[in-house]
Amino acid sequence: MSKVSLKTWHFLLVFAILVISSNIIWSKELHNTPMVEENSALIELDNQSFSDNVASGTCFVLFYTDESDVCTKMEQNLNQLIKASEGHTGFYKLNIDKYPGEYGKYAISGTPSTLIFKDGKEIDRIMGIVPISNLIMIYKRSI
């Protein structure tokens, strides 16, 4: 019986194949999902309107960057949440490429990030893409 000897490069090769294949699958899945319609229900904020809109009530604010498929998918999920919500919550978005001040103020580490505010105070933070079913649970917990 011969003895099989695995070398370090064998493990590196398997790891590289797994990383490449998962990136291909993720990329295909992102491109197969429909993108947000041109008329998003999220209200675009700027530096001046940000504080005014999050000061009272409960609101979701999506921090995003231009031309990001991941941010677009999260915006689509939030648009679906708006349809499922009861209208008691504000839904906004802020482009951090145009308004980096708020990005730094709230220590956003990456996009998409969705911050949930209640009466001007951050009560929850969502990083990345979250499925609509989870967004509904977060929404119900937040109101």
Foldseek 3Di string as FASTA:
>chain_A
DDDDDDDPVVVVVVVVVVVVVVVVVVVVVLVPDDFDDPDQPAAEDAPVCPQVQQQAFKEKEWEAEPPDSQQRQQSNLVSVVVVVDPPRYHGHYYYCVRHVPVCVVVVPPDPGKMFMGHNRHTDDIDHTHDHNVVVNVVVVVRD
